[in-house]
Protein backbone atom coordinates (compact mmCIF):
# COMPACT_ATOMS: atom_id res chain seq x y z
CA MET A 1 15.90 14.19 14.80
CA THR A 2 16.73 16.93 17.21
CA PRO A 3 17.50 16.27 20.90
CA SER A 4 14.20 17.97 21.83
CA GLU A 5 12.24 15.76 19.42
CA ALA A 6 13.96 12.68 20.80
CA ARG A 7 13.18 13.74 24.37
CA LEU A 8 9.50 14.33 23.66
CA LEU A 9 9.15 11.14 21.64
CA ASP A 10 10.74 9.22 24.51
CA ALA A 11 8.25 10.80 26.94
CA ILE A 12 5.30 9.87 24.71
CA LEU A 13 6.51 6.28 24.34
CA ARG A 14 7.27 5.88 28.06
CA ARG A 15 3.81 7.19 28.96
CA TYR A 16 2.31 4.73 26.49
CA SER A 17 4.30 1.80 27.87
CA GLN A 18 3.08 2.60 31.39
CA SER A 19 -0.58 3.28 30.59
CA ASN A 20 -1.17 1.35 27.34
CA ILE A 21 -2.90 4.53 26.11
CA LEU A 22 -1.34 6.52 23.29
CA SER A 23 -2.08 10.17 23.92
CA VAL A 24 -0.74 13.60 23.05
CA LYS A 25 -0.56 15.93 26.04
CA SER A 26 0.58 19.19 24.46
CA GLU A 27 1.04 21.14 21.25
CA ALA A 28 4.79 20.46 21.55
CA GLU A 29 4.18 16.69 21.56
CA GLN A 30 1.88 17.03 18.53
CA GLN A 31 4.53 19.03 16.69
CA CYS A 32 7.12 16.43 17.62
CA LEU A 33 5.00 13.65 16.13
CA TRP A 34 4.43 15.65 12.95
CA ASN A 35 8.19 16.25 12.68
CA VAL A 36 8.92 12.54 13.07
CA GLN A 37 6.26 11.74 10.47
CA CYS A 38 7.97 14.15 8.07
CA LEU A 39 11.31 12.43 8.69
CA LEU A 40 9.74 9.06 7.91
CA GLU A 41 8.10 10.42 4.76
CA LYS A 42 11.43 11.88 3.65
CA HIS A 43 13.19 8.54 4.13
CA GLY A 44 10.20 6.24 3.68
CA ASP A 45 9.32 3.84 0.92
CA GLN A 46 12.89 2.68 0.80
CA PRO A 47 13.44 -0.52 -1.19
CA VAL A 48 14.75 -2.21 1.96
CA TRP A 49 11.64 -1.41 3.99
CA PRO A 50 9.22 -4.32 4.38
CA SER A 51 5.60 -4.03 3.37
CA ILE A 52 3.24 -3.01 6.18
CA ASP A 53 1.88 -6.58 6.34
CA ASP A 54 5.39 -8.04 6.61
CA ALA A 55 6.32 -5.51 9.31
CA ILE A 56 3.19 -6.37 11.32
CA ALA A 57 3.87 -10.09 11.00
CA GLU A 58 7.48 -9.64 12.11
CA LEU A 59 6.60 -7.49 15.12
CA THR A 60 3.52 -9.34 16.36
CA PRO A 61 4.49 -11.51 19.35
CA GLU A 62 3.93 -15.22 18.92
CA LYS A 63 1.20 -16.73 21.05
CA THR A 64 2.38 -19.55 23.28
């Protein structure tokens, strides 16, 4: 991940954490997300990665 990709991804995630709305504000942000998706595809499906159901279960907060 390049420093520019990291910066834009951070901006997208910070905006989401403040508004609870996931949105893309520019072509640069869209390209950044595509680039990150390509990185995940390149390194995805690793044997150590959990299934999507296991990942959701692990990351879903417990209700108290």
